[in-house]
Amino acid sequence: MWYLAKDEVKRYGEIKKVVSGITHKMLSQQLKELIADGLVHRKEYHQIPPKVEYSLTEKGKTLIPVLETMCSWGEKNINS
């Protein structure tokens, strides 16, 4: 979600590149769950080769301040 908030729209391969160490199965599963929860939108283009883009929904965007707060807390307490 963090990378989608930063860049707004990403294709599957772009997400896989920035989330180091994630397997295809895990990324696919997580995206499906985020879509089912209404946090991520999947837009499919009917073309050859197939193209799919992911972006945050309005509901998903409301979680970004929470993620920012958690990130800030982690940075302050990393050495505690």
PDB file of N, CA and C in Angstrom:
ATOM      1  N   MET A   1       0.822  -1.189   0.000  1.00  0.00           N
ATOM      2  CA  MET A   1       0.000   0.000   0.000  1.00  0.00           C
ATOM      3  C   MET A   1       0.867   1.254   0.000  1.00  0.00           C
ATOM      4  N   TRP A   2       1.992   1.182   0.711  1.00  0.00           N
ATOM      5  CA  TRP A   2       2.874   2.339   0.801  1.00  0.00           C
ATOM      6  C   TRP A   2       3.355   2.763  -0.584  1.00  0.00           C
ATOM      7  N   TYR A   3       3.754   1.811  -1.404  1.00  0.00           N
ATOM      8  CA  TYR A   3       4.253   2.124  -2.738  1.00  0.00           C
ATOM      9  C   TYR A   3       3.139   2.613  -3.658  1.00  0.00           C
ATOM     10  N   LEU A   4       1.946   2.118  -3.474  1.00  0.00           N
ATOM     11  CA  LEU A   4       0.825   2.613  -4.272  1.00  0.00           C
ATOM     12  C   LEU A   4       0.480   4.043  -3.879  1.00  0.00           C
ATOM     13  N   ALA A   5       0.610   4.370  -2.611  1.00  0.00           N
ATOM     14  CA  ALA A   5       0.335   5.738  -2.166  1.00  0.00           C
ATOM     15  C   ALA A   5       1.372   6.702  -2.724  1.00  0.00           C
ATOM     16  N   LYS A   6       2.596   6.235  -2.799  1.00  0.00           N
ATOM     17  CA  LYS A   6       3.698   7.077  -3.270  1.00  0.00           C
ATOM     18  C   LYS A   6       3.597   7.363  -4.769  1.00  0.00           C
ATOM     19  N   ASP A   7       3.309   6.316  -5.547  1.00  0.00           N
ATOM     20  CA  ASP A   7       3.307   6.450  -7.007  1.00  0.00           C
ATOM     21  C   ASP A   7       1.922   6.447  -7.632  1.00  0.00           C
ATOM     22  N   GLU A   8       0.904   6.235  -6.843  1.00  0.00           N
ATOM     23  CA  GLU A   8      -0.499   6.240  -7.238  1.00  0.00           C
ATOM     24  C   GLU A   8      -0.938   5.051  -8.083  1.00  0.00           C
ATOM     25  N   VAL A   9      -0.230   4.732  -9.151  1.00  0.00           N
ATOM     26  CA  VAL A   9      -0.609   3.601 -10.008  1.00  0.00           C
ATOM     27  C   VAL A   9       0.644   2.781 -10.292  1.00  0.00           C
ATOM     28  N   LYS A  10       0.515   1.467 -10.126  1.00  0.00           N
ATOM     29  CA  LYS A  10       1.636   0.581 -10.429  1.00  0.00           C
ATOM     30  C   LYS A  10       1.124  -0.690 -11.088  1.00  0.00           C
ATOM     31  N   ARG A  11       1.960  -1.237 -11.947  1.00  0.00           N
ATOM     32  CA  ARG A  11       1.670  -2.533 -12.543  1.00  0.00           C
ATOM     33  C   ARG A  11       2.239  -3.608 -11.626  1.00  0.00           C
ATOM     34  N   TYR A  12       1.785  -4.825 -11.804  1.00  0.00           N
ATOM     35  CA  TYR A  12       2.179  -5.937 -10.941  1.00  0.00           C
ATOM     36  C   TYR A  12       3.709  -6.078 -10.870  1.00  0.00           C
ATOM     37  N   GLY A  13       4.360  -6.072 -11.995  1.00  0.00           N
ATOM     38  CA  GLY A  13       5.820  -6.231 -12.040  1.00  0.00           C
ATOM     39  C   GLY A  13       6.547  -5.126 -11.291  1.00  0.00           C
ATOM     40  N   GLU A  14       6.014  -3.906 -11.349  1.00  0.00           N
ATOM     41  CA  GLU A  14       6.625  -2.789 -10.632  1.00  0.00           C
ATOM     42  C   GLU A  14       6.501  -2.979  -9.126  1.00  0.00           C
ATOM     43  N   ILE A  15       5.354  -3.475  -8.692  1.00  0.00           N
ATOM     44  CA  ILE A  15       5.155  -3.734  -7.263  1.00  0.00           C
ATOM     45  C   ILE A  15       6.111  -4.827  -6.810  1.00  0.00           C
ATOM     46  N   LYS A  16       6.234  -5.884  -7.597  1.00  0.00           N
ATOM     47  CA  LYS A  16       7.109  -7.005  -7.241  1.00  0.00           C
ATOM     48  C   LYS A  16       8.558  -6.551  -7.115  1.00  0.00           C
ATOM     49  N   LYS A  17       8.991  -5.632  -7.956  1.00  0.00           N
ATOM     50  CA  LYS A  17      10.375  -5.132  -7.901  1.00  0.00           C
ATOM     51  C   LYS A  17      10.660  -4.361  -6.614  1.00  0.00           C
ATOM     52  N   VAL A  18       9.716  -3.541  -6.168  1.00  0.00           N
ATOM     53  CA  VAL A  18       9.979  -2.695  -4.997  1.00  0.00           C
ATOM     54  C   VAL A  18       9.756  -3.413  -3.667  1.00  0.00           C
ATOM     55  N   VAL A  19       9.019  -4.516  -3.677  1.00  0.00           N
ATOM     56  CA  VAL A  19       8.798  -5.292  -2.452  1.00  0.00           C
ATOM     57  C   VAL A  19       9.776  -6.464  -2.497  1.00  0.00           C
ATOM     58  N   SER A  20      10.969  -6.225  -1.991  1.00  0.00           N
ATOM     59  CA  SER A  20      12.036  -7.220  -2.109  1.00  0.00           C
ATOM     60  C   SER A  20      11.707  -8.505  -1.354  1.00  0.00           C
ATOM     61  N   GLY A  21      12.019  -9.620  -1.998  1.00  0.00           N
ATOM     62  CA  GLY A  21      11.887 -10.927  -1.373  1.00  0.00           C
ATOM     63  C   GLY A  21      10.495 -11.527  -1.383  1.00  0.00           C
ATOM     64  N   ILE A  22       9.509 -10.835  -1.915  1.00  0.00           N
ATOM     65  CA  ILE A  22       8.148 -11.388  -1.917  1.00  0.00           C
ATOM     66  C   ILE A  22       7.992 -12.363  -3.082  1.00  0.00           C
ATOM     67  N   THR A  23       7.308 -13.453  -2.826  1.00  0.00           N
ATOM     68  CA  THR A  23       7.063 -14.437  -3.883  1.00  0.00           C
ATOM     69  C   THR A  23       5.847 -14.025  -4.699  1.00  0.00           C
ATOM     70  N   HIS A  24       5.744 -14.595  -5.879  1.00  0.00           N
ATOM     71  CA  HIS A  24       4.591 -14.321  -6.744  1.00  0.00           C
ATOM     72  C   HIS A  24       3.301 -14.707  -6.022  1.00  0.00           C
ATOM     73  N   LYS A  25       3.310 -15.868  -5.381  1.00  0.00           N
ATOM     74  CA  LYS A  25       2.115 -16.362  -4.694  1.00  0.00           C
ATOM     75  C   LYS A  25       1.684 -15.403  -3.586  1.00  0.00           C
ATOM     76  N   MET A  26       2.626 -14.948  -2.770  1.00  0.00           N
ATOM     77  CA  MET A  26       2.296 -14.078  -1.649  1.00  0.00           C
ATOM     78  C   MET A  26       1.813 -12.710  -2.133  1.00  0.00           C
ATOM     79  N   LEU A  27       2.476 -12.132  -3.132  1.00  0.00           N
ATOM     80  CA  LEU A  27       2.054 -10.833  -3.644  1.00  0.00           C
ATOM     81  C   LEU A  27       0.662 -10.928  -4.257  1.00  0.00           C
ATOM     82  N   SER A  28       0.430 -11.959  -5.034  1.00  0.00           N
ATOM     83  CA  SER A  28      -0.874 -12.154  -5.656  1.00  0.00           C
ATOM     84  C   SER A  28      -1.960 -12.298  -4.589  1.00  0.00           C
ATOM     85  N   GLN A  29      -1.679 -13.075  -3.558  1.00  0.00           N
ATOM     86  CA  GLN A  29      -2.642 -13.284  -2.475  1.00  0.00           C
ATOM     87  C   GLN A  29      -2.925 -11.986  -1.722  1.00  0.00           C
ATOM     88  N   GLN A  30      -1.886 -11.226  -1.417  1.00  0.00           N
ATOM     89  CA  GLN A  30      -2.066  -9.973  -0.695  1.00  0.00           C
ATOM     90  C   GLN A  30      -2.862  -8.958  -1.513  1.00  0.00           C
ATOM     91  N   LEU A  31      -2.560  -8.865  -2.802  1.00  0.00           N
ATOM     92  CA  LEU A  31      -3.314  -7.946  -3.654  1.00  0.00           C
ATOM     93  C   LEU A  31      -4.790  -8.342  -3.714  1.00  0.00           C
ATOM     94  N   LYS A  32      -5.073  -9.630  -3.823  1.00  0.00           N
ATOM     95  CA  LYS A  32      -6.460 -10.098  -3.854  1.00  0.00           C
ATOM     96  C   LYS A  32      -7.186  -9.734  -2.558  1.00  0.00           C
ATOM     97  N   GLU A  33      -6.503  -9.884  -1.421  1.00  0.00           N
ATOM     98  CA  GLU A  33      -7.114  -9.545  -0.134  1.00  0.00           C
ATOM     99  C   GLU A  33      -7.369  -8.041  -0.019  1.00  0.00           C
ATOM    100  N   LEU A  34      -6.409  -7.232  -0.468  1.00  0.00           N
ATOM    101  CA  LEU A  34      -6.583  -5.778  -0.414  1.00  0.00           C
ATOM    102  C   LEU A  34      -7.720  -5.328  -1.331  1.00  0.00           C
ATOM    103  N   ILE A  35      -7.862  -5.985  -2.467  1.00  0.00           N
ATOM    104  CA  ILE A  35      -8.962  -5.681  -3.389  1.00  0.00           C
ATOM    105  C   ILE A  35     -10.289  -6.075  -2.743  1.00  0.00           C
ATOM    106  N   ALA A  36     -10.337  -7.274  -2.159  1.00  0.00           N
ATOM    107  CA  ALA A  36     -11.565  -7.744  -1.508  1.00  0.00           C
ATOM    108  C   ALA A  36     -11.974  -6.849  -0.345  1.00  0.00           C
ATOM    109  N   ASP A  37     -10.989  -6.259   0.335  1.00  0.00           N
ATOM    110  CA  ASP A  37     -11.265  -5.358   1.461  1.00  0.00           C
ATOM    111  C   ASP A  37     -11.608  -3.944   1.005  1.00  0.00           C
ATOM    112  N   GLY A  38     -11.535  -3.706  -0.302  1.00  0.00           N
ATOM    113  CA  GLY A  38     -11.880  -2.390  -0.829  1.00  0.00           C
ATOM    114  C   GLY A  38     -10.793  -1.348  -0.651  1.00  0.00           C
ATOM    115  N   LEU A  39      -9.550  -1.796  -0.437  1.00  0.00           N
ATOM    116  CA  LEU A  39      -8.445  -0.863  -0.218  1.00  0.00           C
ATOM    117  C   LEU A  39      -7.643  -0.589  -1.485  1.00  0.00           C
ATOM    118  N   VAL A  40      -7.663  -1.538  -2.410  1.00  0.00           N
ATOM    119  CA  VAL A  40      -6.910  -1.422  -3.661  1.00  0.00           C
ATOM    120  C   VAL A  40      -7.861  -1.671  -4.824  1.00  0.00           C
ATOM    121  N   HIS A  41      -7.660  -0.918  -5.890  1.00  0.00           N
ATOM    122  CA  HIS A  41      -8.451  -1.065  -7.117  1.00  0.00           C
ATOM    123  C   HIS A  41      -7.576  -1.716  -8.185  1.00  0.00           C
ATOM    124  N   ARG A  42      -8.147  -2.660  -8.900  1.00  0.00           N
ATOM    125  CA  ARG A  42      -7.455  -3.353  -9.989  1.00  0.00           C
ATOM    126  C   ARG A  42      -8.129  -2.968 -11.296  1.00  0.00           C
ATOM    127  N   LYS A  43      -7.352  -2.394 -12.203  1.00  0.00           N
ATOM    128  CA  LYS A  43      -7.884  -2.007 -13.506  1.00  0.00           C
ATOM    129  C   LYS A  43      -7.216  -2.868 -14.576  1.00  0.00           C
ATOM    130  N   GLU A  44      -8.046  -3.581 -15.301  1.00  0.00           N
ATOM    131  CA  GLU A  44      -7.549  -4.494 -16.329  1.00  0.00           C
ATOM    132  C   GLU A  44      -7.804  -3.896 -17.703  1.00  0.00           C
ATOM    133  N   TYR A  45      -6.765  -3.873 -18.532  1.00  0.00           N
ATOM    134  CA  TYR A  45      -6.872  -3.398 -19.910  1.00  0.00           C
ATOM    135  C   TYR A  45      -6.909  -4.617 -20.822  1.00  0.00           C
ATOM    136  N   HIS A  46      -7.896  -4.677 -21.685  1.00  0.00           N
ATOM    137  CA  HIS A  46      -8.025  -5.803 -22.611  1.00  0.00           C
ATOM    138  C   HIS A  46      -7.215  -5.514 -23.859  1.00  0.00           C
ATOM    139  N   GLN A  47      -5.971  -5.908 -23.792  1.00  0.00           N
ATOM    140  CA  GLN A  47      -5.055  -5.698 -24.904  1.00  0.00           C
ATOM    141  C   GLN A  47      -4.034  -6.831 -24.901  1.00  0.00           C
ATOM    142  N   ILE A  48      -3.214  -6.866 -25.904  1.00  0.00           N
ATOM    143  CA  ILE A  48      -2.158  -7.869 -25.988  1.00  0.00           C
ATOM    144  C   ILE A  48      -0.838  -7.123 -26.031  1.00  0.00           C
ATOM    145  N   PRO A  49       0.089  -7.377 -25.124  1.00  0.00           N
ATOM    146  CA  PRO A  49      -0.034  -8.261 -23.961  1.00  0.00           C
ATOM    147  C   PRO A  49      -0.968  -7.660 -22.917  1.00  0.00           C
ATOM    148  N   PRO A  50      -1.544  -8.511 -22.057  1.00  0.00           N
ATOM    149  CA  PRO A  50      -2.462  -8.020 -21.025  1.00  0.00           C
ATOM    150  C   PRO A  50      -1.776  -6.999 -20.115  1.00  0.00           C
ATOM    151  N   LYS A  51      -2.557  -6.032 -19.675  1.00  0.00           N
ATOM    152  CA  LYS A  51      -2.017  -4.996 -18.805  1.00  0.00           C
ATOM    153  C   LYS A  51      -2.984  -4.809 -17.635  1.00  0.00           C
ATOM    154  N   VAL A  52      -2.438  -4.803 -16.414  1.00  0.00           N
ATOM    155  CA  VAL A  52      -3.235  -4.609 -15.212  1.00  0.00           C
ATOM    156  C   VAL A  52      -2.542  -3.560 -14.360  1.00  0.00           C
ATOM    157  N   GLU A  53      -3.303  -2.620 -13.845  1.00  0.00           N
ATOM    158  CA  GLU A  53      -2.757  -1.581 -12.967  1.00  0.00           C
ATOM    159  C   GLU A  53      -3.472  -1.628 -11.623  1.00  0.00           C
ATOM    160  N   TYR A  54      -2.719  -1.316 -10.586  1.00  0.00           N
ATOM    161  CA  TYR A  54      -3.253  -1.286  -9.233  1.00  0.00           C
ATOM    162  C   TYR A  54      -3.107   0.115  -8.672  1.00  0.00           C
ATOM    163  N   SER A  55      -4.118   0.545  -7.925  1.00  0.00           N
ATOM    164  CA  SER A  55      -4.077   1.854  -7.272  1.00  0.00           C
ATOM    165  C   SER A  55      -4.892   1.781  -5.989  1.00  0.00           C
ATOM    166  N   LEU A  56      -4.680   2.752  -5.113  1.00  0.00           N
ATOM    167  CA  LEU A  56      -5.445   2.796  -3.878  1.00  0.00           C
ATOM    168  C   LEU A  56      -6.842   3.339  -4.141  1.00  0.00           C
ATOM    169  N   THR A  57      -7.811   2.803  -3.438  1.00  0.00           N
ATOM    170  CA  THR A  57      -9.159   3.358  -3.478  1.00  0.00           C
ATOM    171  C   THR A  57      -9.198   4.530  -2.497  1.00  0.00           C
ATOM    172  N   GLU A  58     -10.304   5.250  -2.463  1.00  0.00           N
ATOM    173  CA  GLU A  58     -10.446   6.338  -1.494  1.00  0.00           C
ATOM    174  C   GLU A  58     -10.351   5.784  -0.070  1.00  0.00           C
ATOM    175  N   LYS A  59     -10.947   4.623   0.146  1.00  0.00           N
ATOM    176  CA  LYS A  59     -10.864   3.973   1.459  1.00  0.00           C
ATOM    177  C   LYS A  59      -9.414   3.620   1.787  1.00  0.00           C
ATOM    178  N   GLY A  60      -8.682   3.112   0.824  1.00  0.00           N
ATOM    179  CA  GLY A  60      -7.274   2.772   1.022  1.00  0.00           C
ATOM    180  C   GLY A  60      -6.429   3.984   1.356  1.00  0.00           C
ATOM    181  N   LYS A  61      -6.738   5.108   0.724  1.00  0.00           N
ATOM    182  CA  LYS A  61      -5.974   6.341   0.978  1.00  0.00           C
ATOM    183  C   LYS A  61      -6.136   6.821   2.413  1.00  0.00           C
ATOM    184  N   THR A  62      -7.248   6.461   3.053  1.00  0.00           N
ATOM    185  CA  THR A  62      -7.440   6.898   4.444  1.00  0.00           C
ATOM    186  C   THR A  62      -6.501   6.174   5.399  1.00  0.00           C
ATOM    187  N   LEU A  63      -5.891   5.083   4.971  1.00  0.00           N
ATOM    188  CA  LEU A  63      -4.944   4.362   5.822  1.00  0.00           C
ATOM    189  C   LEU A  63      -3.531   4.931   5.768  1.00  0.00           C
ATOM    190  N   ILE A  64      -3.231   5.770   4.807  1.00  0.00           N
ATOM    191  CA  ILE A  64      -1.876   6.289   4.648  1.00  0.00           C
ATOM    192  C   ILE A  64      -1.411   7.074   5.878  1.00  0.00           C
ATOM    193  N   PRO A  65      -2.226   7.948   6.466  1.00  0.00           N
ATOM    194  CA  PRO A  65      -1.761   8.629   7.693  1.00  0.00           C
ATOM    195  C   PRO A  65      -1.425   7.646   8.814  1.00  0.00           C
ATOM    196  N   VAL A  66      -2.146   6.555   8.897  1.00  0.00           N
ATOM    197  CA  VAL A  66      -1.865   5.526   9.908  1.00  0.00           C
ATOM    198  C   VAL A  66      -0.513   4.879   9.620  1.00  0.00           C
ATOM    199  N   LEU A  67      -0.254   4.549   8.354  1.00  0.00           N
ATOM    200  CA  LEU A  67       1.027   3.960   7.978  1.00  0.00           C
ATOM    201  C   LEU A  67       2.178   4.924   8.247  1.00  0.00           C
ATOM    202  N   GLU A  68       1.960   6.208   7.955  1.00  0.00           N
ATOM    203  CA  GLU A  68       2.998   7.210   8.208  1.00  0.00           C
ATOM    204  C   GLU A  68       3.306   7.309   9.701  1.00  0.00           C
ATOM    205  N   THR A  69       2.275   7.271  10.536  1.00  0.00           N
ATOM    206  CA  THR A  69       2.464   7.336  11.984  1.00  0.00           C
ATOM    207  C   THR A  69       3.214   6.096  12.475  1.00  0.00           C
ATOM    208  N   MET A  70       2.859   4.930  11.969  1.00  0.00           N
ATOM    209  CA  MET A  70       3.551   3.707  12.360  1.00  0.00           C
ATOM    210  C   MET A  70       5.018   3.733  11.926  1.00  0.00           C
ATOM    211  N   CYS A  71       5.288   4.248  10.747  1.00  0.00           N
ATOM    212  CA  CYS A  71       6.652   4.361  10.245  1.00  0.00           C
ATOM    213  C   CYS A  71       7.468   5.302  11.133  1.00  0.00           C
ATOM    214  N   SER A  72       6.883   6.422  11.478  1.00  0.00           N
ATOM    215  CA  SER A  72       7.560   7.397  12.345  1.00  0.00           C
ATOM    216  C   SER A  72       7.856   6.790  13.711  1.00  0.00           C
ATOM    217  N   TRP A  73       6.886   6.084  14.273  1.00  0.00           N
ATOM    218  CA  TRP A  73       7.090   5.429  15.568  1.00  0.00           C
ATOM    219  C   TRP A  73       8.218   4.414  15.478  1.00  0.00           C
ATOM    220  N   GLY A  74       8.248   3.640  14.409  1.00  0.00           N
ATOM    221  CA  GLY A  74       9.298   2.645  14.226  1.00  0.00           C
ATOM    222  C   GLY A  74      10.673   3.268  14.116  1.00  0.00           C
ATOM    223  N   GLU A  75      10.775   4.377  13.399  1.00  0.00           N
ATOM    224  CA  GLU A  75      12.063   5.057  13.249  1.00  0.00           C
ATOM    225  C   GLU A  75      12.552   5.594  14.592  1.00  0.00           C
ATOM    226  N   LYS A  76      11.643   6.091  15.417  1.00  0.00           N
ATOM    227  CA  LYS A  76      12.010   6.642  16.734  1.00  0.00           C
ATOM    228  C   LYS A  76      12.393   5.547  17.720  1.00  0.00           C
ATOM    229  N   ASN A  77      11.851   4.357  17.541  1.00  0.00           N
ATOM    230  CA  ASN A  77      12.035   3.288  18.533  1.00  0.00           C
ATOM    231  C   ASN A  77      12.852   2.105  18.015  1.00  0.00           C
ATOM    232  N   ILE A  78      13.524   2.273  16.892  1.00  0.00           N
ATOM    233  CA  ILE A  78      14.253   1.154  16.290  1.00  0.00           C
ATOM    234  C   ILE A  78      15.382   0.653  17.197  1.00  0.00           C
ATOM    235  N   ASN A  79      16.016   1.515  17.929  1.00  0.00           N
ATOM    236  CA  ASN A  79      17.146   1.117  18.769  1.00  0.00           C
ATOM    237  C   ASN A  79      16.780   0.968  20.233  1.00  0.00           C
ATOM    238  N   SER A  80      15.494   0.983  20.545  1.00  0.00           N
ATOM    239  CA  SER A  80      15.075   0.890  21.951  1.00  0.00           C
ATOM    240  C   SER A  80      15.160  -0.511  22.482  1.00  0.00           C
TER     241      SER A  80
END
